Amino acid sequence: MSATLPSAAQREVGAAFLGDLLAWLNRRFARDGMTIDADTPLFAARLIDSLRILELIAFTERALGVRIPDSAIRMDNFATPRRIAEVFAAGSRDDQEEDPDADA
């Protein structure tokens, strides 16, 4: 079975989302003197916990205009900002549903 590569448009969306995500994470969760980058381990660095993940999911859904199904809410999908962008922005949209309220 071969993996499907993201299209150029998906990569652009992923890159734009990653930039927005990093800016948001640094405003919301970075400690003094720290910069969260694409490969910062969010849980291992204790930047994200069981409450903050809810904020992160809500931000991701709003930013991308999708609803993330419960089955996709796993620590490995939110391990780093890069992983979040790969899974939810630049990756396959099969695990996501369009949010009918995104344009409301």
Protein backbone atom coordinates (compact mmCIF):
# COMPACT_ATOMS: atom_id res chain seq x y z
CA MET A 1 0.00 0.00 0.00
CA SER A 2 1.49 3.37 -0.96
CA ALA A 3 1.01 6.58 0.96
CA THR A 4 -0.75 9.45 -0.74
CA LEU A 5 1.43 12.54 -0.95
CA PRO A 6 -0.17 15.88 -0.17
CA SER A 7 -0.84 18.13 -3.15
CA ALA A 8 0.92 21.47 -3.61
CA ALA A 9 -2.24 23.22 -2.39
CA GLN A 10 -2.35 21.06 0.74
CA ARG A 11 1.33 21.80 1.42
CA GLU A 12 0.62 25.54 1.09
CA VAL A 13 -2.30 25.32 3.48
CA GLY A 14 -0.15 23.27 5.86
CA ALA A 15 2.70 25.80 5.78
CA ALA A 16 0.36 28.75 6.32
CA PHE A 17 -1.44 26.94 9.13
CA LEU A 18 1.86 25.96 10.76
CA GLY A 19 2.92 29.62 10.85
CA ASP A 20 -0.41 30.66 12.38
CA LEU A 21 -0.27 27.78 14.85
CA LEU A 22 3.26 28.65 15.98
CA ALA A 23 2.31 32.30 16.50
CA TRP A 24 -0.74 31.27 18.54
CA LEU A 25 1.16 28.69 20.60
CA ASN A 26 3.90 31.18 21.42
CA ARG A 27 1.36 33.80 22.52
CA ARG A 28 -0.69 31.34 24.60
CA PHE A 29 1.70 28.75 26.00
CA ALA A 30 5.39 29.67 25.67
CA ARG A 31 7.12 30.29 28.97
CA ASP A 32 9.33 33.35 29.43
CA GLY A 33 12.48 33.06 27.36
CA MET A 34 11.13 30.11 25.37
CA THR A 35 10.17 29.91 21.72
CA ILE A 36 7.97 27.10 20.49
CA ASP A 37 9.10 25.93 17.06
CA ALA A 38 7.71 23.37 14.64
CA ASP A 39 9.44 20.46 16.38
CA THR A 40 8.86 21.42 20.03
CA PRO A 41 7.37 18.41 21.84
CA LEU A 42 4.21 19.95 23.28
CA PHE A 43 3.35 17.26 25.82
CA ALA A 44 6.91 16.22 26.72
CA ALA A 45 7.82 19.88 27.36
CA ARG A 46 4.66 20.15 29.50
CA LEU A 47 3.31 23.00 27.39
CA ILE A 48 0.04 21.17 26.72
CA ASP A 49 -2.00 19.32 29.31
CA SER A 50 -5.47 17.83 29.39
CA LEU A 51 -7.12 21.27 29.58
CA ARG A 52 -4.89 23.12 27.13
CA ILE A 53 -5.38 20.43 24.50
CA LEU A 54 -9.02 21.52 24.31
CA GLU A 55 -7.91 25.06 23.43
CA LEU A 56 -5.50 23.67 20.84
CA ILE A 57 -8.19 21.51 19.24
CA ALA A 58 -10.59 24.46 19.11
CA PHE A 59 -7.92 26.69 17.55
CA THR A 60 -7.10 24.03 14.94
CA GLU A 61 -10.75 23.51 14.05
CA ARG A 62 -11.40 27.26 13.72
CA ALA A 63 -8.22 27.94 11.77
CA LEU A 64 -8.86 25.13 9.27
CA GLY A 65 -12.67 25.24 9.18
CA VAL A 66 -12.95 21.54 9.99
CA ARG A 67 -14.27 19.44 12.82
CA ILE A 68 -11.71 17.03 14.22
CA PRO A 69 -13.46 13.76 15.03
CA ASP A 70 -12.89 12.12 18.40
CA SER A 71 -11.02 9.27 16.70
CA ALA A 72 -8.31 11.71 15.55
CA ILE A 73 -7.81 13.24 19.00
CA ARG A 74 -4.75 11.28 20.08
CA MET A 75 -1.54 12.49 21.69
CA ASP A 76 0.54 11.39 18.71
CA ASN A 77 -1.47 13.68 16.39
CA PHE A 78 -0.74 16.65 18.67
CA ALA A 79 2.85 15.80 19.64
CA THR A 80 4.46 18.76 17.86
CA PRO A 81 3.20 21.73 15.87
CA ARG A 82 4.62 20.15 12.70
CA ARG A 83 2.70 16.93 13.36
CA ILE A 84 -0.53 18.88 13.92
CA ALA A 85 -0.06 20.64 10.55
CA GLU A 86 0.81 17.37 8.79
CA VAL A 87 -2.21 15.54 10.13
CA PHE A 88 -4.88 18.22 10.03
CA ALA A 89 -3.81 20.76 7.38
CA ALA A 90 -1.46 19.22 4.85
CA GLY A 91 -2.43 15.60 5.34
CA SER A 92 -5.43 13.63 4.24
CA ARG A 93 -8.82 15.17 4.95
CA ASP A 94 -10.29 11.68 5.38
CA ASP A 95 -10.13 11.88 9.19
CA GLN A 96 -11.88 15.25 9.28
CA GLU A 97 -15.29 16.63 8.59
CA GLU A 98 -16.04 20.04 7.16
CA ASP A 99 -17.40 22.29 9.89
CA PRO A 100 -20.83 23.54 8.82
CA ASP A 101 -20.47 26.46 11.26
CA ALA A 102 -17.06 27.57 9.92
CA ASP A 103 -18.59 30.27 7.71
CA ALA A 104 -21.25 31.31 10.19
